[in-house]
Amino acid sequence: MSHARGFDPDKPLGKPPKRKRGRPAKYSGPASTLTYAIQTEVVARLRRGATRRMAAALAGTSAKHLENWLRRGRDAIEAGKRSRYTELVQDVEKAEAEYQMSLIEASTDAITDKTMNDKVIRWRLGVADREFRAERERTVAAGDGQGPFELVKPEDAQRALVEKLERFLTEASRAESPDADEAPEVTDEEEDDEE
């Protein structure tokens, strides 16, 4: 097997690279130290619509570590301090808000474009927005456990369906048969032609 291009076996390779700080490479597992690379990866994934758990896993850490970093950042913000964790909180909230805004813009576009099915967009916005979920859960808890839907007895549902069907059939029969006023008048000459 030949050596890579530019490799000279007689030339010394130089000093070995310095050992990086932190956990040795032989241990695998989620990163427990917030680095700039992890922060940018998490923020980029959130901006594209990933959940916090997915973004943390794709960045090489765990959701537990991410939530702890966010908690530390919120505590620092309340104390009036600034650190890497406060920057993480601001970046995460901004990325999630940008993604939610893109969903809102897409649902607004769906209003004018009738060919677009916006149910998925509205569902994703409801899942992505924690405030929306909290409001919806409060509404369900305050009600009688039915949520946003009303329970209807089968007999009532059948009666309403029959009424709608009768209305539809009468309107359809009116549209098919022209009224006597709108019928074309037959002249004497046309009657003679028919005989």
Protein backbone atom coordinates (compact mmCIF):
# COMPACT_ATOMS: atom_id res chain seq x y z
CA MET A 1 0.00 0.00 0.00
CA SER A 2 1.36 3.38 -0.94
CA HIS A 3 1.55 6.43 1.29
CA ALA A 4 -0.62 9.48 0.89
CA ARG A 5 0.52 12.14 -1.55
CA GLY A 6 3.13 14.42 -0.01
CA PHE A 7 4.06 12.00 2.76
CA ASP A 8 7.80 11.55 3.26
CA PRO A 9 8.60 8.63 5.60
CA ASP A 10 12.11 9.98 6.22
CA LYS A 11 10.87 13.37 7.43
CA PRO A 12 9.90 13.58 11.12
CA LEU A 13 6.22 14.22 11.72
CA GLY A 14 6.71 16.84 14.42
CA LYS A 15 5.21 17.09 17.87
CA PRO A 16 2.16 15.05 18.65
CA PRO A 17 -1.02 17.13 19.02
CA LYS A 18 -1.81 18.42 22.48
CA ARG A 19 -4.36 16.55 24.49
CA LYS A 20 -7.65 18.45 24.64
CA ARG A 21 -9.13 19.37 27.97
CA GLY A 22 -12.19 17.63 29.28
CA ARG A 23 -13.27 14.03 29.15
CA PRO A 24 -10.85 11.64 27.45
CA ALA A 25 -11.89 10.46 24.01
CA LYS A 26 -12.20 6.83 25.08
CA TYR A 27 -15.37 7.64 27.06
CA SER A 28 -18.49 8.01 25.00
CA GLY A 29 -21.64 9.72 26.15
CA PRO A 30 -23.36 13.06 26.08
CA ALA A 31 -21.28 16.16 26.47
CA SER A 32 -21.79 17.75 29.85
CA THR A 33 -19.96 21.00 29.16
CA LEU A 34 -21.59 23.74 27.11
CA THR A 35 -19.33 24.69 24.22
CA TYR A 36 -19.79 27.14 21.40
CA ALA A 37 -20.06 24.27 18.90
CA ILE A 38 -22.85 22.60 20.87
CA GLN A 39 -24.66 25.91 21.28
CA THR A 40 -24.56 26.72 17.56
CA GLU A 41 -25.66 23.19 16.61
CA VAL A 42 -28.61 23.25 19.04
CA VAL A 43 -29.72 26.69 17.84
CA ALA A 44 -29.42 25.70 14.17
CA ARG A 45 -31.54 22.58 14.72
CA LEU A 46 -34.19 24.50 16.67
CA ARG A 47 -34.36 27.09 13.92
CA ARG A 48 -35.21 24.28 11.47
CA GLY A 49 -38.01 22.96 13.68
CA ALA A 50 -36.41 20.28 15.82
CA THR A 51 -37.58 19.82 19.37
CA ARG A 52 -35.18 20.60 22.20
CA ARG A 53 -34.62 16.92 22.84
CA MET A 54 -33.83 16.22 19.18
CA ALA A 55 -31.56 19.24 18.91
CA ALA A 56 -29.63 18.22 22.01
CA ALA A 57 -29.17 14.66 20.77
CA LEU A 58 -27.99 15.82 17.35
CA ALA A 59 -25.54 18.21 19.00
CA GLY A 60 -24.02 15.42 21.09
CA THR A 61 -25.54 16.12 24.47
CA SER A 62 -28.71 15.14 26.31
CA ALA A 63 -31.99 16.96 26.84
CA LYS A 64 -31.30 16.91 30.59
CA HIS A 65 -28.01 18.79 30.14
CA LEU A 66 -29.67 21.28 27.78
CA GLU A 67 -32.49 21.97 30.24
CA ASN A 68 -29.95 22.41 33.06
CA TRP A 69 -27.98 24.92 30.96
CA LEU A 70 -31.19 26.80 30.15
CA ARG A 71 -32.18 26.82 33.82
CA ARG A 72 -28.76 28.19 34.77
CA GLY A 73 -29.15 30.85 32.08
CA ARG A 74 -32.59 31.91 33.31
CA ASP A 75 -31.28 32.10 36.87
CA ALA A 76 -28.37 34.26 35.69
CA ILE A 77 -30.75 36.54 33.77
CA GLU A 78 -32.90 37.00 36.89
CA ALA A 79 -29.75 37.81 38.89
CA GLY A 80 -28.72 40.37 36.27
CA LYS A 81 -25.59 38.47 35.25
CA ARG A 82 -24.34 37.63 31.80
CA SER A 83 -22.69 34.35 30.82
CA ARG A 84 -22.58 31.71 28.13
CA TYR A 85 -25.79 30.29 29.60
CA THR A 86 -27.68 33.58 29.24
CA GLU A 87 -26.59 33.71 25.60
CA LEU A 88 -27.85 30.14 25.17
CA VAL A 89 -31.26 31.08 26.61
CA GLN A 90 -31.55 34.07 24.29
CA ASP A 91 -30.40 32.10 21.23
CA VAL A 92 -32.77 29.18 21.95
CA GLU A 93 -35.77 31.46 22.46
CA LYS A 94 -34.94 33.42 19.31
CA ALA A 95 -34.53 30.24 17.23
CA GLU A 96 -37.84 28.81 18.46
CA ALA A 97 -39.58 32.13 17.80
CA GLU A 98 -38.15 32.26 14.25
CA TYR A 99 -39.45 28.77 13.53
CA GLN A 100 -42.89 29.62 14.91
CA MET A 101 -42.94 32.79 12.83
CA SER A 102 -42.19 30.77 9.70
CA LEU A 103 -45.17 28.54 10.55
CA ILE A 104 -47.41 31.57 11.04
CA GLU A 105 -46.29 32.98 7.69
CA ALA A 106 -46.97 29.64 6.00
CA SER A 107 -50.47 29.45 7.49
CA THR A 108 -51.12 33.03 6.37
CA ASP A 109 -50.04 32.06 2.86
CA ALA A 110 -52.41 29.09 3.04
CA ILE A 111 -55.33 31.47 3.57
CA THR A 112 -54.84 32.94 0.10
CA ASP A 113 -53.70 29.72 -1.56
CA LYS A 114 -56.71 27.43 -1.39
CA THR A 115 -54.77 24.47 -2.83
CA MET A 116 -52.53 24.32 0.26
CA ASN A 117 -53.60 22.12 3.14
CA ASP A 118 -52.65 24.02 6.28
CA LYS A 119 -53.80 21.46 8.85
CA VAL A 120 -50.26 20.19 9.33
CA ILE A 121 -48.96 23.73 9.69
CA ARG A 122 -51.54 24.60 12.33
CA TRP A 123 -50.89 21.32 14.17
CA ARG A 124 -47.12 21.90 14.14
CA LEU A 125 -47.59 25.43 15.40
CA GLY A 126 -49.70 24.10 18.26
CA VAL A 127 -47.05 21.53 19.11
CA ALA A 128 -44.17 24.00 18.80
CA ASP A 129 -45.76 26.73 20.90
CA ARG A 130 -45.71 25.88 24.61
CA GLU A 131 -48.00 28.79 25.48
CA PHE A 132 -50.67 27.51 23.08
CA ARG A 133 -50.50 24.06 24.65
CA ALA A 134 -50.77 25.49 28.15
CA GLU A 135 -53.84 27.58 27.19
CA ARG A 136 -55.49 24.59 25.56
CA GLU A 137 -54.81 22.36 28.57
CA ARG A 138 -56.30 25.00 30.89
CA THR A 139 -59.43 25.16 28.70
CA VAL A 140 -59.87 21.40 28.84
CA ALA A 141 -59.29 21.31 32.61
CA ALA A 142 -61.75 24.14 33.25
CA GLY A 143 -64.52 22.50 31.19
CA ASP A 144 -66.35 19.30 31.82
CA GLY A 145 -63.57 17.14 30.39
CA GLN A 146 -64.91 17.24 26.84
CA GLY A 147 -62.33 19.66 25.52
CA PRO A 148 -63.16 21.81 22.51
CA PHE A 149 -65.80 19.33 21.24
CA GLU A 150 -69.40 18.94 22.26
CA LEU A 151 -70.80 15.50 22.97
CA VAL A 152 -73.92 14.72 20.94
CA LYS A 153 -76.29 11.78 21.28
CA PRO A 154 -76.44 9.48 18.23
CA GLU A 155 -80.15 10.24 17.72
CA ASP A 156 -79.50 13.99 17.64
CA ALA A 157 -76.62 13.53 15.21
CA GLN A 158 -78.78 11.37 12.92
CA ARG A 159 -81.64 13.89 12.99
CA ALA A 160 -79.27 16.77 12.13
CA LEU A 161 -77.78 14.73 9.29
CA VAL A 162 -81.22 13.90 7.85
CA GLU A 163 -82.23 17.59 7.98
CA LYS A 164 -79.06 18.63 6.15
CA LEU A 165 -79.59 15.92 3.52
CA GLU A 166 -83.20 17.00 2.92
CA ARG A 167 -82.11 20.62 2.55
CA PHE A 168 -79.37 19.62 0.11
CA LEU A 169 -81.75 17.50 -2.00
CA THR A 170 -84.38 20.24 -2.24
CA GLU A 171 -81.77 22.80 -3.28
CA ALA A 172 -80.30 20.38 -5.84
CA SER A 173 -83.75 19.64 -7.33
CA ARG A 174 -84.47 23.39 -7.64
CA ALA A 175 -81.19 23.92 -9.44
CA GLU A 176 -81.88 21.09 -11.93
CA SER A 177 -85.49 21.99 -12.85
CA PRO A 178 -85.90 25.50 -14.29
CA ASP A 179 -88.84 27.53 -13.03
CA ALA A 180 -91.83 28.16 -15.27
CA ASP A 181 -90.91 31.84 -15.52
CA GLU A 182 -87.48 31.03 -16.89
CA ALA A 183 -88.69 28.45 -19.47
CA PRO A 184 -88.34 29.61 -23.10
CA GLU A 185 -91.62 30.44 -24.77
CA VAL A 186 -92.63 28.27 -27.68
CA THR A 187 -93.94 30.20 -30.69
CA ASP A 188 -96.62 29.04 -33.14
CA GLU A 189 -94.05 28.49 -35.87
CA GLU A 190 -92.01 26.13 -33.68
CA GLU A 191 -95.17 24.14 -32.86
CA ASP A 192 -95.91 23.74 -36.59
CA ASP A 193 -92.36 22.53 -37.23
CA GLU A 194 -92.71 19.88 -34.55
CA GLU A 195 -95.88 18.45 -36.19
